[in-house]
Protein backbone atom coordinates (compact mmCIF):
# COMPACT_ATOMS: atom_id res chain seq x y z
CA MET A 1 -138.84 -49.48 -130.15
CA SER A 2 -136.52 -46.67 -131.45
CA LEU A 3 -137.50 -43.15 -131.00
CA ARG A 4 -139.92 -42.53 -133.94
CA SER A 5 -139.08 -39.35 -136.40
CA VAL A 6 -142.04 -37.58 -137.71
CA LEU A 7 -142.12 -34.67 -140.25
CA VAL A 8 -145.20 -32.56 -139.94
CA THR A 9 -146.08 -30.12 -142.69
CA GLY A 10 -148.78 -27.49 -141.54
CA GLY A 11 -147.59 -27.65 -138.01
CA THR A 12 -148.33 -24.16 -137.04
CA GLY A 13 -152.12 -24.84 -137.83
CA PHE A 14 -154.93 -25.48 -135.46
CA ILE A 15 -154.72 -29.17 -135.81
CA GLY A 16 -150.96 -29.19 -136.55
CA ARG A 17 -150.02 -27.38 -133.23
CA HIS A 18 -152.06 -29.89 -131.06
CA PHE A 19 -150.49 -33.04 -132.95
CA CYS A 20 -147.04 -31.80 -132.50
CA ARG A 21 -147.52 -31.26 -128.89
CA SER A 22 -149.00 -34.84 -128.36
CA ALA A 23 -146.28 -36.24 -130.65
CA LEU A 24 -143.50 -35.01 -128.46
CA ALA A 25 -145.43 -36.13 -125.42
CA ARG A 26 -145.57 -39.73 -126.83
CA GLY A 27 -141.43 -39.30 -127.12
CA MET A 28 -141.60 -38.86 -130.83
CA ARG A 29 -138.77 -36.53 -132.52
CA VAL A 30 -140.78 -33.81 -134.49
CA THR A 31 -139.65 -31.45 -137.04
CA VAL A 32 -141.96 -29.18 -138.70
CA LEU A 33 -141.59 -27.88 -142.35
CA THR A 34 -142.77 -24.34 -142.21
CA ARG A 35 -142.78 -21.19 -144.23
CA ASP A 36 -142.90 -19.06 -141.02
CA VAL A 37 -140.24 -20.27 -138.62
CA LYS A 38 -140.79 -17.24 -136.35
CA ALA A 39 -144.26 -17.90 -135.84
CA ALA A 40 -143.42 -21.61 -135.29
CA LYS A 41 -141.11 -20.65 -132.51
CA GLU A 42 -143.91 -18.80 -130.63
CA ASN A 43 -146.43 -21.48 -130.99
CA LEU A 44 -144.45 -24.88 -130.80
CA PRO A 45 -142.86 -26.53 -128.08
CA PRO A 46 -138.99 -25.91 -127.90
CA GLU A 47 -138.37 -29.47 -128.44
CA THR A 48 -139.73 -29.08 -131.97
CA ARG A 49 -136.90 -28.99 -134.89
CA LEU A 50 -138.02 -26.31 -137.31
CA CYS A 51 -137.35 -26.25 -140.98
CA GLY A 52 -137.87 -23.19 -143.45
CA SER A 53 -137.80 -25.18 -146.64
CA LEU A 54 -137.27 -28.52 -148.04
CA ASP A 55 -133.54 -27.72 -148.65
CA GLU A 56 -132.80 -27.63 -145.28
CA LEU A 57 -133.82 -30.74 -144.45
CA ARG A 58 -130.29 -32.73 -144.45
CA SER A 59 -129.80 -35.46 -147.04
CA HIS A 60 -129.18 -37.69 -144.13
CA ASP A 61 -132.53 -37.09 -142.18
CA THR A 62 -134.66 -40.01 -142.05
CA PHE A 63 -138.30 -39.76 -141.20
CA GLN A 64 -140.30 -42.79 -140.54
CA ILE A 65 -143.55 -40.78 -140.49
CA VAL A 66 -144.83 -37.98 -142.83
CA VAL A 67 -148.03 -35.96 -141.48
CA ASN A 68 -148.86 -33.60 -144.27
CA LEU A 69 -151.60 -31.14 -142.83
CA ALA A 70 -150.31 -27.95 -145.16
CA GLY A 71 -153.13 -26.00 -146.78
CA GLU A 72 -154.27 -22.65 -147.32
CA PRO A 73 -157.42 -22.10 -145.13
CA LEU A 74 -160.96 -22.59 -147.22
CA ALA A 75 -162.87 -20.38 -144.91
CA ALA A 76 -160.65 -17.16 -144.26
CA ARG A 77 -162.20 -15.27 -146.61
CA ARG A 78 -164.44 -15.00 -149.75
CA TRP A 79 -163.34 -17.27 -152.75
CA ASN A 80 -162.16 -15.89 -155.83
CA THR A 81 -160.05 -17.37 -159.06
CA ALA A 82 -156.64 -16.37 -157.16
CA ARG A 83 -157.85 -17.95 -153.99
CA LYS A 84 -158.72 -21.20 -155.43
CA GLN A 85 -155.69 -21.54 -157.16
CA SER A 86 -153.76 -21.09 -153.70
CA PHE A 87 -155.82 -23.74 -152.24
CA TYR A 88 -154.42 -26.33 -155.12
CA THR A 89 -150.95 -24.89 -154.78
CA SER A 90 -150.68 -25.08 -151.38
CA ARG A 91 -152.15 -28.64 -151.22
CA VAL A 92 -151.54 -30.44 -154.48
CA GLY A 93 -148.53 -28.70 -155.51
CA PHE A 94 -146.80 -28.85 -152.17
CA THR A 95 -147.30 -32.42 -151.73
CA ASP A 96 -146.25 -33.14 -155.24
CA ARG A 97 -143.05 -31.31 -154.29
CA LEU A 98 -143.03 -33.40 -151.07
CA VAL A 99 -143.21 -36.67 -153.06
CA THR A 100 -140.35 -35.43 -155.36
CA PHE A 101 -138.07 -34.73 -152.50
CA PHE A 102 -138.19 -38.00 -150.81
CA LYS A 103 -138.01 -39.84 -154.44
CA ASN A 104 -134.86 -37.85 -155.02
CA HIS A 105 -133.44 -38.38 -151.71
CA ASN A 106 -134.37 -42.16 -151.53
CA GLN A 107 -135.49 -42.02 -148.15
CA VAL A 108 -139.16 -43.32 -148.08
CA PRO A 109 -141.32 -42.70 -144.94
CA ASP A 110 -142.90 -45.94 -143.72
CA HIS A 111 -146.41 -44.12 -143.10
CA VAL A 112 -147.82 -40.90 -144.57
CA ILE A 113 -150.88 -39.38 -143.14
CA SER A 114 -151.97 -36.97 -145.52
CA GLY A 115 -154.94 -34.34 -145.18
CA SER A 116 -158.21 -34.32 -147.21
CA ALA A 117 -161.70 -33.24 -146.07
CA VAL A 118 -165.35 -34.37 -146.25
CA GLY A 119 -165.81 -32.18 -149.06
CA PHE A 120 -164.18 -34.88 -151.01
CA TYR A 121 -167.99 -36.36 -151.55
CA GLY A 122 -169.73 -33.28 -152.70
CA PRO A 123 -173.34 -32.53 -150.99
CA SER A 124 -175.55 -35.25 -150.03
CA GLN A 125 -178.18 -36.33 -147.41
CA ALA A 126 -177.35 -39.88 -147.61
CA PRO A 127 -175.11 -41.64 -145.04
CA LEU A 128 -171.58 -41.70 -146.51
CA ASP A 129 -168.54 -44.07 -145.73
CA GLU A 130 -165.19 -44.56 -147.28
CA THR A 131 -166.82 -46.52 -150.06
CA SER A 132 -169.25 -43.85 -151.11
CA SER A 133 -169.25 -42.36 -154.71
CA PRO A 134 -168.79 -38.60 -154.76
CA ILE A 135 -170.54 -35.82 -156.40
CA ASP A 136 -168.65 -33.27 -158.55
CA GLY A 137 -168.18 -29.95 -157.62
CA PHE A 138 -164.85 -27.77 -156.76
CA SER A 139 -164.59 -29.22 -153.22
CA HIS A 140 -164.48 -32.76 -154.44
CA ARG A 141 -161.97 -32.32 -157.12
CA LEU A 142 -159.43 -30.07 -154.66
CA CYS A 143 -159.75 -33.26 -152.31
CA ARG A 144 -159.62 -35.92 -155.05
CA ASP A 145 -156.37 -34.34 -156.68
CA TRP A 146 -154.88 -33.79 -153.16
CA GLU A 147 -155.54 -37.40 -152.28
CA SER A 148 -154.00 -38.62 -155.57
CA SER A 149 -150.79 -36.37 -155.18
CA ALA A 150 -150.38 -38.06 -151.66
CA ARG A 151 -150.93 -41.60 -152.61
CA ALA A 152 -147.95 -41.22 -155.13
CA PHE A 153 -146.03 -42.02 -151.97
CA GLU A 154 -147.14 -45.49 -152.45
CA ALA A 155 -145.21 -46.03 -155.44
CA LEU A 156 -142.30 -45.38 -153.27
CA GLY A 157 -143.38 -48.11 -150.67
CA SER A 158 -144.95 -45.85 -147.93
CA ARG A 159 -148.30 -46.72 -146.50
CA VAL A 160 -150.78 -43.75 -147.00
CA CYS A 161 -153.68 -42.80 -145.11
CA CYS A 162 -155.93 -39.70 -146.49
CA LEU A 163 -157.84 -38.13 -143.59
CA ARG A 164 -161.13 -36.91 -144.74
CA THR A 165 -161.57 -34.42 -142.16
CA GLY A 166 -165.20 -32.99 -140.95
CA ILE A 167 -165.51 -29.67 -138.80
CA VAL A 168 -162.76 -29.58 -136.30
CA LEU A 169 -164.23 -28.16 -133.05
CA GLY A 170 -161.83 -26.27 -130.78
CA GLU A 171 -160.44 -22.93 -129.81
CA GLN A 172 -159.40 -22.19 -133.62
CA GLY A 173 -161.45 -22.99 -136.83
CA ALA A 174 -165.06 -23.13 -137.34
CA LEU A 175 -166.42 -22.86 -133.77
CA SER A 176 -164.21 -19.95 -133.06
CA ARG A 177 -165.82 -18.11 -135.87
CA MET A 178 -169.18 -18.86 -134.83
CA LEU A 179 -169.22 -17.83 -131.35
CA PRO A 180 -168.79 -14.07 -131.32
CA ALA A 181 -172.05 -13.98 -132.82
CA PHE A 182 -173.90 -16.78 -130.61
CA LYS A 183 -172.47 -15.15 -127.24
CA VAL A 184 -174.42 -11.99 -128.21
CA GLY A 185 -177.75 -13.98 -129.03
CA LEU A 186 -177.24 -13.50 -132.81
CA GLY A 187 -176.82 -16.98 -133.72
CA GLY A 188 -179.02 -18.85 -135.89
CA PRO A 189 -179.44 -21.80 -138.59
CA LEU A 190 -178.04 -21.13 -141.99
CA GLY A 191 -180.11 -21.61 -145.19
CA SER A 192 -182.79 -24.22 -144.70
CA GLY A 193 -180.58 -25.55 -141.41
CA GLU A 194 -181.43 -29.17 -142.74
CA GLN A 195 -177.67 -29.60 -144.39
CA TRP A 196 -175.56 -32.07 -142.53
CA MET A 197 -172.63 -31.13 -140.31
CA SER A 198 -170.09 -33.92 -139.78
CA TRP A 199 -167.67 -32.79 -137.13
CA ILE A 200 -165.17 -34.06 -134.92
CA HIS A 201 -163.55 -32.71 -131.36
CA ARG A 202 -159.99 -31.42 -131.61
CA ASP A 203 -158.79 -34.34 -129.34
CA ASP A 204 -160.34 -36.98 -131.21
CA MET A 205 -158.92 -35.37 -134.28
CA VAL A 206 -155.35 -35.53 -133.04
CA ALA A 207 -155.84 -39.30 -131.74
CA SER A 208 -157.19 -40.24 -135.00
CA ILE A 209 -153.93 -39.27 -136.92
CA HIS A 210 -151.95 -41.50 -133.94
CA HIS A 211 -154.35 -44.26 -134.56
CA CYS A 212 -153.66 -44.06 -138.31
CA ILE A 213 -149.95 -44.13 -137.81
CA ASP A 214 -150.22 -47.08 -135.03
CA HIS A 215 -152.66 -49.18 -137.12
CA VAL A 216 -150.74 -50.54 -140.42
CA GLU A 217 -154.06 -52.26 -141.72
CA LEU A 218 -155.48 -48.68 -142.36
CA ARG A 219 -154.78 -47.26 -145.56
CA GLY A 220 -156.26 -45.07 -148.19
CA PRO A 221 -159.32 -42.70 -147.28
CA VAL A 222 -160.02 -42.57 -143.58
CA ASN A 223 -163.14 -40.32 -142.50
CA ALA A 224 -162.08 -38.21 -139.68
CA THR A 225 -165.63 -37.61 -138.16
CA ALA A 226 -167.59 -38.33 -135.05
CA LEU A 227 -169.86 -40.89 -134.77
CA ASN A 228 -172.96 -38.68 -134.65
CA PRO A 229 -173.25 -36.20 -137.29
CA VAL A 230 -175.78 -33.40 -136.90
CA THR A 231 -177.85 -30.90 -138.98
CA ASN A 232 -176.91 -27.34 -139.12
CA ARG A 233 -180.11 -26.49 -137.23
CA GLN A 234 -179.13 -29.46 -134.40
CA PHE A 235 -175.84 -27.66 -134.21
CA THR A 236 -177.08 -24.32 -133.68
CA ARG A 237 -179.39 -25.59 -131.08
CA ALA A 238 -176.85 -27.36 -129.21
CA LEU A 239 -174.40 -24.28 -129.30
CA GLY A 240 -176.91 -22.32 -128.29
CA VAL A 241 -177.97 -24.28 -125.38
CA ALA A 242 -173.95 -24.70 -124.30
CA LEU A 243 -173.68 -21.09 -124.37
CA GLN A 244 -177.25 -20.33 -122.75
CA ARG A 245 -178.17 -18.17 -125.80
CA PRO A 246 -181.27 -17.83 -127.88
CA THR A 247 -180.59 -19.02 -131.48
CA ILE A 248 -183.50 -17.26 -133.37
CA LEU A 249 -181.84 -15.17 -136.12
CA PRO A 250 -181.07 -17.54 -139.23
CA MET A 251 -179.20 -16.61 -142.20
CA SER A 252 -181.19 -16.99 -145.43
CA ALA A 253 -179.37 -18.97 -148.29
CA PHE A 254 -179.64 -15.63 -150.46
CA MET A 255 -177.73 -13.47 -147.82
CA ALA A 256 -174.93 -16.32 -147.35
CA ARG A 257 -174.44 -16.32 -150.80
CA LEU A 258 -174.45 -12.39 -150.95
CA LEU A 259 -171.87 -12.33 -148.27
CA PHE A 260 -169.77 -15.33 -148.95
CA GLY A 261 -170.33 -16.29 -152.62
CA GLU A 262 -169.43 -19.59 -154.02
CA MET A 263 -167.89 -20.47 -150.44
CA ALA A 264 -171.42 -20.43 -149.05
CA ASP A 265 -172.67 -23.12 -151.46
CA GLU A 266 -169.40 -25.08 -151.01
CA LEU A 267 -168.84 -24.82 -147.17
CA LEU A 268 -172.10 -23.50 -145.52
CA LEU A 269 -175.50 -24.29 -147.34
CA GLN A 270 -174.56 -27.92 -148.44
CA GLY A 271 -173.18 -30.57 -146.04
CA GLN A 272 -172.39 -34.05 -145.75
CA ASN A 273 -173.50 -36.96 -143.68
CA VAL A 274 -170.17 -38.76 -143.19
CA ARG A 275 -169.50 -41.76 -140.97
CA PRO A 276 -166.20 -42.97 -139.47
CA ALA A 277 -166.34 -46.39 -140.68
CA ALA A 278 -162.57 -47.32 -140.99
CA LEU A 279 -161.87 -45.61 -137.92
CA SER A 280 -164.56 -47.69 -136.05
CA ALA A 281 -163.53 -50.81 -137.48
CA SER A 282 -160.27 -50.62 -136.42
CA GLY A 283 -161.22 -50.30 -132.91
CA PHE A 284 -160.90 -46.40 -132.50
CA LYS A 285 -162.50 -45.20 -129.28
CA PHE A 286 -163.96 -41.58 -129.48
CA LEU A 287 -163.49 -39.25 -126.33
CA TYR A 288 -166.36 -37.08 -127.56
CA PRO A 289 -169.12 -39.17 -129.64
CA GLN A 290 -171.88 -36.86 -128.93
CA LEU A 291 -171.81 -32.99 -129.85
CA GLU A 292 -173.43 -31.76 -126.61
CA VAL A 293 -170.40 -33.30 -124.32
CA ALA A 294 -167.82 -32.01 -126.96
CA LEU A 295 -169.14 -28.46 -126.93
CA SER A 296 -169.41 -28.36 -123.25
CA SER A 297 -165.70 -29.55 -123.08
CA LEU A 298 -164.44 -26.75 -125.12
CA LEU A 299 -166.37 -23.95 -124.11
CA VAL A 300 -165.17 -24.41 -120.44
CA GLU A 301 -161.58 -24.36 -121.13
């Protein structure tokens, strides 16, 4: 088999960095499209080829695979109109440009693995899989439009998987923002604590991207979540046990809305009970199916 070439967007992000390292370890030729080449040089292996814009991709470059992870982080700070527009521009707008680039250069990737999120489904207490109907809201519309943009690659002849990702646990992301409070005993459930948290370990997240690349029967939406979602209260308790700290200081829904505004309702106080039906049916094996083991593996690193 010839050396496979992969173009990664969002390669300097939390998931992107780990995917690039694993792809290089698997013998892939990795090119990262990034706005910050200096930061990419500091954070990615030296074998990674870096491009600062689509214009820098040579017309004769051939990519069998595109892994599209680019997007402004949703939980970095309070939402406002400008921030919400940047979420769209960095996801939908950028993916539209990516499709146009490949169309104009008559070079079509075989496989496109594009980001999405479990926010596609909207808030729900019922178990959800890839066939479940969504509930409308900003997060749903953002994910819906991002997936629609990525699936434009299908008209060019690419196979497209849209990874509806849950809360990715690792040294960055949601877990890293929780740890300071929990380590000093100030952690606790959010709101009612009964909202579902569909999570996935960082290593399983990266493995799921490779699985989608390798399993050509997968296409369309693919839930990238662990087998066992938990409620916020269960997550809080498990994290407290792993850190050997109390978790007795809840944050009320009122306080969460006061501090985080719309983001509190979209990301913190409501959740989704998502099951990885497509991954499981295609034979994916989770390294960390249980939350307690996943947390322990990360907290001892």
